[in-house]
Amino acid sequence: MSRMVQCVKLGREAEGLEKPPFKGDLGERVFQTVSKDGWRMWLEHSKMIINEFRLDLTSEQGQRVWMTELERFFYGEGSDLPPEFKPHD
């Protein structure tokens, strides 16, 4: 049987992740409170963040921005894209 969590992003119970997505307290928090579908939503959103902010995830600064946006996406006021972001039609 699948592990179920009360997903903070979806606002309902849904299938949970199989393991924490990364190490540390935040990774464990995500594991306990984010569903697979919620995590997929973040991965799609984070692609835009990485591209628009031109993040280098191999750098400490890039990882810090990514983690900050992840926290905002799930537990804060939501993650924003840069003001100059223009979605493609």
PDB file of N, CA and C in Angstrom:
ATOM      1  N   MET A   1       0.841  -1.184   0.000  1.00  0.00           N
ATOM      2  CA  MET A   1       0.000   0.000   0.000  1.00  0.00           C
ATOM      3  C   MET A   1       0.891   1.254   0.000  1.00  0.00           C
ATOM      4  N   SER A   2       0.453   2.252  -0.715  1.00  0.00           N
ATOM      5  CA  SER A   2       1.194   3.510  -0.817  1.00  0.00           C
ATOM      6  C   SER A   2       1.126   4.285   0.489  1.00  0.00           C
ATOM      7  N   ARG A   3       2.166   5.013   0.739  1.00  0.00           N
ATOM      8  CA  ARG A   3       2.225   5.901   1.896  1.00  0.00           C
ATOM      9  C   ARG A   3       1.453   7.172   1.569  1.00  0.00           C
ATOM     10  N   MET A   4       0.539   7.555   2.435  1.00  0.00           N
ATOM     11  CA  MET A   4      -0.288   8.732   2.210  1.00  0.00           C
ATOM     12  C   MET A   4       0.167   9.864   3.128  1.00  0.00           C
ATOM     13  N   VAL A   5       0.066  11.099   2.617  1.00  0.00           N
ATOM     14  CA  VAL A   5       0.383  12.293   3.413  1.00  0.00           C
ATOM     15  C   VAL A   5      -0.718  13.321   3.201  1.00  0.00           C
ATOM     16  N   GLN A   6      -0.833  14.222   4.144  1.00  0.00           N
ATOM     17  CA  GLN A   6      -1.699  15.387   3.973  1.00  0.00           C
ATOM     18  C   GLN A   6      -0.852  16.426   3.246  1.00  0.00           C
ATOM     19  N   CYS A   7      -1.066  16.578   1.953  1.00  0.00           N
ATOM     20  CA  CYS A   7      -0.208  17.426   1.119  1.00  0.00           C
ATOM     21  C   CYS A   7      -0.497  18.905   1.352  1.00  0.00           C
ATOM     22  N   VAL A   8       0.559  19.651   1.687  1.00  0.00           N
ATOM     23  CA  VAL A   8       0.402  21.084   1.932  1.00  0.00           C
ATOM     24  C   VAL A   8       0.077  21.846   0.647  1.00  0.00           C
ATOM     25  N   LYS A   9       0.492  21.325  -0.490  1.00  0.00           N
ATOM     26  CA  LYS A   9       0.254  22.030  -1.753  1.00  0.00           C
ATOM     27  C   LYS A   9      -1.150  21.758  -2.283  1.00  0.00           C
ATOM     28  N   LEU A  10      -1.584  20.500  -2.200  1.00  0.00           N
ATOM     29  CA  LEU A  10      -2.899  20.134  -2.740  1.00  0.00           C
ATOM     30  C   LEU A  10      -4.029  20.369  -1.743  1.00  0.00           C
ATOM     31  N   GLY A  11      -3.686  20.442  -0.452  1.00  0.00           N
ATOM     32  CA  GLY A  11      -4.716  20.639   0.572  1.00  0.00           C
ATOM     33  C   GLY A  11      -5.572  19.414   0.807  1.00  0.00           C
ATOM     34  N   ARG A  12      -5.024  18.250   0.493  1.00  0.00           N
ATOM     35  CA  ARG A  12      -5.776  16.998   0.700  1.00  0.00           C
ATOM     36  C   ARG A  12      -4.800  15.845   0.861  1.00  0.00           C
ATOM     37  N   GLU A  13      -5.336  14.710   1.277  1.00  0.00           N
ATOM     38  CA  GLU A  13      -4.502  13.525   1.404  1.00  0.00           C
ATOM     39  C   GLU A  13      -4.186  12.967   0.010  1.00  0.00           C
ATOM     40  N   ALA A  14      -2.934  12.589  -0.169  1.00  0.00           N
ATOM     41  CA  ALA A  14      -2.502  12.057  -1.463  1.00  0.00           C
ATOM     42  C   ALA A  14      -1.284  11.160  -1.240  1.00  0.00           C
ATOM     43  N   GLU A  15      -0.916  10.425  -2.276  1.00  0.00           N
ATOM     44  CA  GLU A  15       0.219   9.514  -2.188  1.00  0.00           C
ATOM     45  C   GLU A  15       1.506  10.290  -1.931  1.00  0.00           C
ATOM     46  N   GLY A  16       2.257   9.842  -0.926  1.00  0.00           N
ATOM     47  CA  GLY A  16       3.484  10.520  -0.530  1.00  0.00           C
ATOM     48  C   GLY A  16       4.694  10.067  -1.322  1.00  0.00           C
ATOM     49  N   LEU A  17       5.767  10.807  -1.160  1.00  0.00           N
ATOM     50  CA  LEU A  17       7.047  10.453  -1.774  1.00  0.00           C
ATOM     51  C   LEU A  17       7.567   9.154  -1.154  1.00  0.00           C
ATOM     52  N   GLU A  18       8.401   8.451  -1.889  1.00  0.00           N
ATOM     53  CA  GLU A  18       8.938   7.188  -1.393  1.00  0.00           C
ATOM     54  C   GLU A  18      10.084   7.397  -0.415  1.00  0.00           C
ATOM     55  N   LYS A  19      10.780   8.525  -0.537  1.00  0.00           N
ATOM     56  CA  LYS A  19      11.884   8.853   0.364  1.00  0.00           C
ATOM     57  C   LYS A  19      12.072  10.362   0.346  1.00  0.00           C
ATOM     58  N   PRO A  20      12.775  10.919   1.350  1.00  0.00           N
ATOM     59  CA  PRO A  20      13.017  12.362   1.322  1.00  0.00           C
ATOM     60  C   PRO A  20      13.753  12.746   0.040  1.00  0.00           C
ATOM     61  N   PRO A  21      13.383  13.867  -0.572  1.00  0.00           N
ATOM     62  CA  PRO A  21      13.997  14.268  -1.847  1.00  0.00           C
ATOM     63  C   PRO A  21      15.448  14.736  -1.711  1.00  0.00           C
ATOM     64  N   PHE A  22      15.853  15.111  -0.507  1.00  0.00           N
ATOM     65  CA  PHE A  22      17.233  15.509  -0.234  1.00  0.00           C
ATOM     66  C   PHE A  22      17.440  15.443   1.269  1.00  0.00           C
ATOM     67  N   LYS A  23      18.693  15.554   1.695  1.00  0.00           N
ATOM     68  CA  LYS A  23      19.053  15.431   3.105  1.00  0.00           C
ATOM     69  C   LYS A  23      18.674  16.672   3.892  1.00  0.00           C
ATOM     70  N   GLY A  24      18.615  16.516   5.191  1.00  0.00           N
ATOM     71  CA  GLY A  24      18.403  17.648   6.078  1.00  0.00           C
ATOM     72  C   GLY A  24      16.969  17.777   6.546  1.00  0.00           C
ATOM     73  N   ASP A  25      16.773  18.766   7.420  1.00  0.00           N
ATOM     74  CA  ASP A  25      15.455  18.998   8.009  1.00  0.00           C
ATOM     75  C   ASP A  25      14.403  19.341   6.963  1.00  0.00           C
ATOM     76  N   LEU A  26      14.760  20.171   6.000  1.00  0.00           N
ATOM     77  CA  LEU A  26      13.792  20.549   4.967  1.00  0.00           C
ATOM     78  C   LEU A  26      13.416  19.342   4.113  1.00  0.00           C
ATOM     79  N   GLY A  27      14.370  18.507   3.774  1.00  0.00           N
ATOM     80  CA  GLY A  27      14.066  17.295   3.015  1.00  0.00           C
ATOM     81  C   GLY A  27      13.109  16.386   3.759  1.00  0.00           C
ATOM     82  N   GLU A  28      13.297  16.258   5.068  1.00  0.00           N
ATOM     83  CA  GLU A  28      12.404  15.435   5.892  1.00  0.00           C
ATOM     84  C   GLU A  28      11.016  16.076   5.983  1.00  0.00           C
ATOM     85  N   ARG A  29      10.984  17.403   6.104  1.00  0.00           N
ATOM     86  CA  ARG A  29       9.694  18.110   6.161  1.00  0.00           C
ATOM     87  C   ARG A  29       8.907  17.906   4.862  1.00  0.00           C
ATOM     88  N   VAL A  30       9.593  18.011   3.735  1.00  0.00           N
ATOM     89  CA  VAL A  30       8.953  17.786   2.436  1.00  0.00           C
ATOM     90  C   VAL A  30       8.429  16.348   2.372  1.00  0.00           C
ATOM     91  N   PHE A  31       9.240  15.401   2.798  1.00  0.00           N
ATOM     92  CA  PHE A  31       8.847  13.993   2.787  1.00  0.00           C
ATOM     93  C   PHE A  31       7.562  13.766   3.591  1.00  0.00           C
ATOM     94  N   GLN A  32       7.436  14.446   4.718  1.00  0.00           N
ATOM     95  CA  GLN A  32       6.281  14.254   5.602  1.00  0.00           C
ATOM     96  C   GLN A  32       5.029  15.004   5.136  1.00  0.00           C
ATOM     97  N   THR A  33       5.181  16.053   4.317  1.00  0.00           N
ATOM     98  CA  THR A  33       4.035  16.935   4.055  1.00  0.00           C
ATOM     99  C   THR A  33       3.736  17.202   2.575  1.00  0.00           C
ATOM    100  N   VAL A  34       4.508  16.604   1.671  1.00  0.00           N
ATOM    101  CA  VAL A  34       4.296  16.880   0.245  1.00  0.00           C
ATOM    102  C   VAL A  34       4.037  15.564  -0.485  1.00  0.00           C
ATOM    103  N   SER A  35       3.021  15.558  -1.327  1.00  0.00           N
ATOM    104  CA  SER A  35       2.679  14.367  -2.107  1.00  0.00           C
ATOM    105  C   SER A  35       3.534  14.279  -3.367  1.00  0.00           C
ATOM    106  N   LYS A  36       3.436  13.134  -4.019  1.00  0.00           N
ATOM    107  CA  LYS A  36       4.125  12.967  -5.304  1.00  0.00           C
ATOM    108  C   LYS A  36       3.650  14.010  -6.306  1.00  0.00           C
ATOM    109  N   ASP A  37       2.342  14.246  -6.343  1.00  0.00           N
ATOM    110  CA  ASP A  37       1.805  15.245  -7.283  1.00  0.00           C
ATOM    111  C   ASP A  37       2.281  16.650  -6.922  1.00  0.00           C
ATOM    112  N   GLY A  38       2.305  16.970  -5.634  1.00  0.00           N
ATOM    113  CA  GLY A  38       2.813  18.266  -5.202  1.00  0.00           C
ATOM    114  C   GLY A  38       4.278  18.437  -5.565  1.00  0.00           C
ATOM    115  N   TRP A  39       5.064  17.375  -5.417  1.00  0.00           N
ATOM    116  CA  TRP A  39       6.487  17.430  -5.761  1.00  0.00           C
ATOM    117  C   TRP A  39       6.665  17.631  -7.264  1.00  0.00           C
ATOM    118  N   ARG A  40       5.835  16.954  -8.068  1.00  0.00           N
ATOM    119  CA  ARG A  40       5.907  17.147  -9.524  1.00  0.00           C
ATOM    120  C   ARG A  40       5.593  18.599  -9.888  1.00  0.00           C
ATOM    121  N   MET A  41       4.622  19.199  -9.194  1.00  0.00           N
ATOM    122  CA  MET A  41       4.296  20.611  -9.436  1.00  0.00           C
ATOM    123  C   MET A  41       5.530  21.484  -9.157  1.00  0.00           C
ATOM    124  N   TRP A  42       6.222  21.175  -8.047  1.00  0.00           N
ATOM    125  CA  TRP A  42       7.426  21.941  -7.719  1.00  0.00           C
ATOM    126  C   TRP A  42       8.503  21.762  -8.783  1.00  0.00           C
ATOM    127  N   LEU A  43       8.723  20.536  -9.230  1.00  0.00           N
ATOM    128  CA  LEU A  43       9.765  20.304 -10.233  1.00  0.00           C
ATOM    129  C   LEU A  43       9.501  21.097 -11.508  1.00  0.00           C
ATOM    130  N   GLU A  44       8.249  21.148 -11.931  1.00  0.00           N
ATOM    131  CA  GLU A  44       7.907  21.944 -13.122  1.00  0.00           C
ATOM    132  C   GLU A  44       8.149  23.430 -12.859  1.00  0.00           C
ATOM    133  N   HIS A  45       7.704  23.903 -11.704  1.00  0.00           N
ATOM    134  CA  HIS A  45       7.892  25.314 -11.354  1.00  0.00           C
ATOM    135  C   HIS A  45       9.379  25.637 -11.217  1.00  0.00           C
ATOM    136  N   SER A  46      10.129  24.719 -10.619  1.00  0.00           N
ATOM    137  CA  SER A  46      11.549  25.002 -10.385  1.00  0.00           C
ATOM    138  C   SER A  46      12.341  25.072 -11.691  1.00  0.00           C
ATOM    139  N   LYS A  47      11.881  24.401 -12.734  1.00  0.00           N
ATOM    140  CA  LYS A  47      12.549  24.528 -14.041  1.00  0.00           C
ATOM    141  C   LYS A  47      12.506  25.976 -14.507  1.00  0.00           C
ATOM    142  N   MET A  48      11.352  26.610 -14.324  1.00  0.00           N
ATOM    143  CA  MET A  48      11.221  28.016 -14.712  1.00  0.00           C
ATOM    144  C   MET A  48      12.122  28.892 -13.855  1.00  0.00           C
ATOM    145  N   ILE A  49      12.172  28.611 -12.547  1.00  0.00           N
ATOM    146  CA  ILE A  49      13.016  29.394 -11.644  1.00  0.00           C
ATOM    147  C   ILE A  49      14.480  29.263 -12.051  1.00  0.00           C
ATOM    148  N   ILE A  50      14.912  28.036 -12.292  1.00  0.00           N
ATOM    149  CA  ILE A  50      16.313  27.800 -12.682  1.00  0.00           C
ATOM    150  C   ILE A  50      16.641  28.571 -13.958  1.00  0.00           C
ATOM    151  N   ASN A  51      15.758  28.509 -14.928  1.00  0.00           N
ATOM    152  CA  ASN A  51      16.006  29.194 -16.198  1.00  0.00           C
ATOM    153  C   ASN A  51      15.909  30.709 -16.068  1.00  0.00           C
ATOM    154  N   GLU A  52      14.882  31.202 -15.418  1.00  0.00           N
ATOM    155  CA  GLU A  52      14.665  32.643 -15.346  1.00  0.00           C
ATOM    156  C   GLU A  52      15.686  33.340 -14.459  1.00  0.00           C
ATOM    157  N   PHE A  53      16.074  32.701 -13.353  1.00  0.00           N
ATOM    158  CA  PHE A  53      17.080  33.275 -12.468  1.00  0.00           C
ATOM    159  C   PHE A  53      18.489  32.860 -12.885  1.00  0.00           C
ATOM    160  N   ARG A  54      18.566  32.011 -13.914  1.00  0.00           N
ATOM    161  CA  ARG A  54      19.849  31.488 -14.405  1.00  0.00           C
ATOM    162  C   ARG A  54      20.674  30.902 -13.264  1.00  0.00           C
ATOM    163  N   LEU A  55      20.009  30.020 -12.502  1.00  0.00           N
ATOM    164  CA  LEU A  55      20.650  29.420 -11.334  1.00  0.00           C
ATOM    165  C   LEU A  55      21.652  28.352 -11.738  1.00  0.00           C
ATOM    166  N   ASP A  56      22.763  28.346 -11.057  1.00  0.00           N
ATOM    167  CA  ASP A  56      23.755  27.276 -11.163  1.00  0.00           C
ATOM    168  C   ASP A  56      23.599  26.434  -9.903  1.00  0.00           C
ATOM    169  N   LEU A  57      22.932  25.278 -10.027  1.00  0.00           N
ATOM    170  CA  LEU A  57      22.659  24.459  -8.854  1.00  0.00           C
ATOM    171  C   LEU A  57      23.892  23.759  -8.309  1.00  0.00           C
ATOM    172  N   THR A  58      25.020  23.885  -8.980  1.00  0.00           N
ATOM    173  CA  THR A  58      26.260  23.342  -8.432  1.00  0.00           C
ATOM    174  C   THR A  58      26.918  24.332  -7.484  1.00  0.00           C
ATOM    175  N   SER A  59      26.432  25.574  -7.478  1.00  0.00           N
ATOM    176  CA  SER A  59      26.994  26.592  -6.586  1.00  0.00           C
ATOM    177  C   SER A  59      26.160  26.686  -5.313  1.00  0.00           C
ATOM    178  N   GLU A  60      26.811  27.101  -4.242  1.00  0.00           N
ATOM    179  CA  GLU A  60      26.114  27.268  -2.968  1.00  0.00           C
ATOM    180  C   GLU A  60      25.018  28.321  -3.080  1.00  0.00           C
ATOM    181  N   GLN A  61      25.292  29.416  -3.774  1.00  0.00           N
ATOM    182  CA  GLN A  61      24.312  30.491  -3.957  1.00  0.00           C
ATOM    183  C   GLN A  61      23.092  29.985  -4.733  1.00  0.00           C
ATOM    184  N   GLY A  62      23.314  29.241  -5.816  1.00  0.00           N
ATOM    185  CA  GLY A  62      22.209  28.696  -6.599  1.00  0.00           C
ATOM    186  C   GLY A  62      21.354  27.752  -5.786  1.00  0.00           C
ATOM    187  N   GLN A  63      21.974  26.903  -4.998  1.00  0.00           N
ATOM    188  CA  GLN A  63      21.236  25.971  -4.147  1.00  0.00           C
ATOM    189  C   GLN A  63      20.432  26.718  -3.088  1.00  0.00           C
ATOM    190  N   ARG A  64      21.017  27.780  -2.542  1.00  0.00           N
ATOM    191  CA  ARG A  64      20.315  28.564  -1.518  1.00  0.00           C
ATOM    192  C   ARG A  64      19.052  29.201  -2.096  1.00  0.00           C
ATOM    193  N   VAL A  65      19.158  29.776  -3.290  1.00  0.00           N
ATOM    194  CA  VAL A  65      17.985  30.387  -3.935  1.00  0.00           C
ATOM    195  C   VAL A  65      16.933  29.313  -4.212  1.00  0.00           C
ATOM    196  N   TRP A  66      17.359  28.165  -4.744  1.00  0.00           N
ATOM    197  CA  TRP A  66      16.429  27.070  -5.065  1.00  0.00           C
ATOM    198  C   TRP A  66      15.691  26.610  -3.815  1.00  0.00           C
ATOM    199  N   MET A  67      16.426  26.422  -2.706  1.00  0.00           N
ATOM    200  CA  MET A  67      15.813  25.968  -1.444  1.00  0.00           C
ATOM    201  C   MET A  67      14.865  27.024  -0.878  1.00  0.00           C
ATOM    202  N   THR A  68      15.252  28.285  -0.991  1.00  0.00           N
ATOM    203  CA  THR A  68      14.389  29.360  -0.508  1.00  0.00           C
ATOM    204  C   THR A  68      13.078  29.380  -1.285  1.00  0.00           C
ATOM    205  N   GLU A  69      13.175  29.256  -2.610  1.00  0.00           N
ATOM    206  CA  GLU A  69      11.967  29.232  -3.439  1.00  0.00           C
ATOM    207  C   GLU A  69      11.124  27.995  -3.146  1.00  0.00           C
ATOM    208  N   LEU A  70      11.768  26.856  -2.881  1.00  0.00           N
ATOM    209  CA  LEU A  70      11.038  25.634  -2.527  1.00  0.00           C
ATOM    210  C   LEU A  70      10.246  25.855  -1.244  1.00  0.00           C
ATOM    211  N   GLU A  71      10.878  26.431  -0.232  1.00  0.00           N
ATOM    212  CA  GLU A  71      10.176  26.711   1.028  1.00  0.00           C
ATOM    213  C   GLU A  71       9.002  27.650   0.810  1.00  0.00           C
ATOM    214  N   ARG A  72       9.206  28.669   0.007  1.00  0.00           N
ATOM    215  CA  ARG A  72       8.115  29.614  -0.287  1.00  0.00           C
ATOM    216  C   ARG A  72       6.989  28.923  -1.043  1.00  0.00           C
ATOM    217  N   PHE A  73       7.327  28.041  -1.987  1.00  0.00           N
ATOM    218  CA  PHE A  73       6.348  27.330  -2.807  1.00  0.00           C
ATOM    219  C   PHE A  73       5.425  26.477  -1.941  1.00  0.00           C
ATOM    220  N   PHE A  74       5.996  25.744  -0.988  1.00  0.00           N
ATOM    221  CA  PHE A  74       5.199  24.832  -0.171  1.00  0.00           C
ATOM    222  C   PHE A  74       4.710  25.435   1.134  1.00  0.00           C
ATOM    223  N   TYR A  75       5.492  26.270   1.777  1.00  0.00           N
ATOM    224  CA  TYR A  75       5.196  26.670   3.155  1.00  0.00           C
ATOM    225  C   TYR A  75       5.054  28.170   3.356  1.00  0.00           C
ATOM    226  N   GLY A  76       5.261  28.941   2.327  1.00  0.00           N
ATOM    227  CA  GLY A  76       5.191  30.388   2.468  1.00  0.00           C
ATOM    228  C   GLY A  76       4.123  30.982   1.595  1.00  0.00           C
ATOM    229  N   GLU A  77       4.439  32.160   1.097  1.00  0.00           N
ATOM    230  CA  GLU A  77       3.469  32.909   0.294  1.00  0.00           C
ATOM    231  C   GLU A  77       3.467  32.501  -1.167  1.00  0.00           C
ATOM    232  N   GLY A  78       4.219  31.469  -1.503  1.00  0.00           N
ATOM    233  CA  GLY A  78       4.305  31.022  -2.895  1.00  0.00           C
ATOM    234  C   GLY A  78       5.581  31.517  -3.525  1.00  0.00           C
ATOM    235  N   SER A  79       6.026  30.813  -4.517  1.00  0.00           N
ATOM    236  CA  SER A  79       7.268  31.152  -5.203  1.00  0.00           C
ATOM    237  C   SER A  79       6.949  32.028  -6.399  1.00  0.00           C
ATOM    238  N   ASP A  80       7.749  33.072  -6.578  1.00  0.00           N
ATOM    239  CA  ASP A  80       7.529  34.006  -7.676  1.00  0.00           C
ATOM    240  C   ASP A  80       8.593  33.844  -8.741  1.00  0.00           C
ATOM    241  N   LEU A  81       8.217  34.190  -9.928  1.00  0.00           N
ATOM    242  CA  LEU A  81       9.193  34.293 -11.008  1.00  0.00           C
ATOM    243  C   LEU A  81       9.640  35.747 -11.089  1.00  0.00           C
ATOM    244  N   PRO A  82      10.764  36.005 -11.707  1.00  0.00           N
ATOM    245  CA  PRO A  82      11.225  37.396 -11.819  1.00  0.00           C
ATOM    246  C   PRO A  82      10.177  38.268 -12.518  1.00  0.00           C
ATOM    247  N   PRO A  83      10.114  39.547 -12.179  1.00  0.00           N
ATOM    248  CA  PRO A  83       9.089  40.437 -12.769  1.00  0.00           C
ATOM    249  C   PRO A  83       9.147  40.471 -14.283  1.00  0.00           C
ATOM    250  N   GLU A  84      10.327  40.291 -14.873  1.00  0.00           N
ATOM    251  CA  GLU A  84      10.442  40.366 -16.335  1.00  0.00           C
ATOM    252  C   GLU A  84      10.029  39.057 -17.029  1.00  0.00           C
ATOM    253  N   PHE A  85       9.640  38.014 -16.261  1.00  0.00           N
ATOM    254  CA  PHE A  85       9.247  36.737 -16.862  1.00  0.00           C
ATOM    255  C   PHE A  85       8.015  36.923 -17.738  1.00  0.00           C
ATOM    256  N   LYS A  86       8.118  36.407 -18.954  1.00  0.00           N
ATOM    257  CA  LYS A  86       6.999  36.437 -19.891  1.00  0.00           C
ATOM    258  C   LYS A  86       6.782  35.023 -20.410  1.00  0.00           C
ATOM    259  N   PRO A  87       5.677  34.371 -20.027  1.00  0.00           N
ATOM    260  CA  PRO A  87       5.441  33.010 -20.519  1.00  0.00           C
ATOM    261  C   PRO A  87       5.294  33.003 -22.030  1.00  0.00           C
ATOM    262  N   HIS A  88       5.754  31.928 -22.633  1.00  0.00           N
ATOM    263  CA  HIS A  88       5.629  31.780 -24.086  1.00  0.00           C
ATOM    264  C   HIS A  88       4.217  31.332 -24.418  1.00  0.00           C
ATOM    265  N   ASP A  89       3.671  31.874 -25.497  1.00  0.00           N
ATOM    266  CA  ASP A  89       2.308  31.498 -25.924  1.00  0.00           C
ATOM    267  C   ASP A  89       2.329  30.200 -26.683  1.00  0.00           C
TER     268      ASP A  89
END
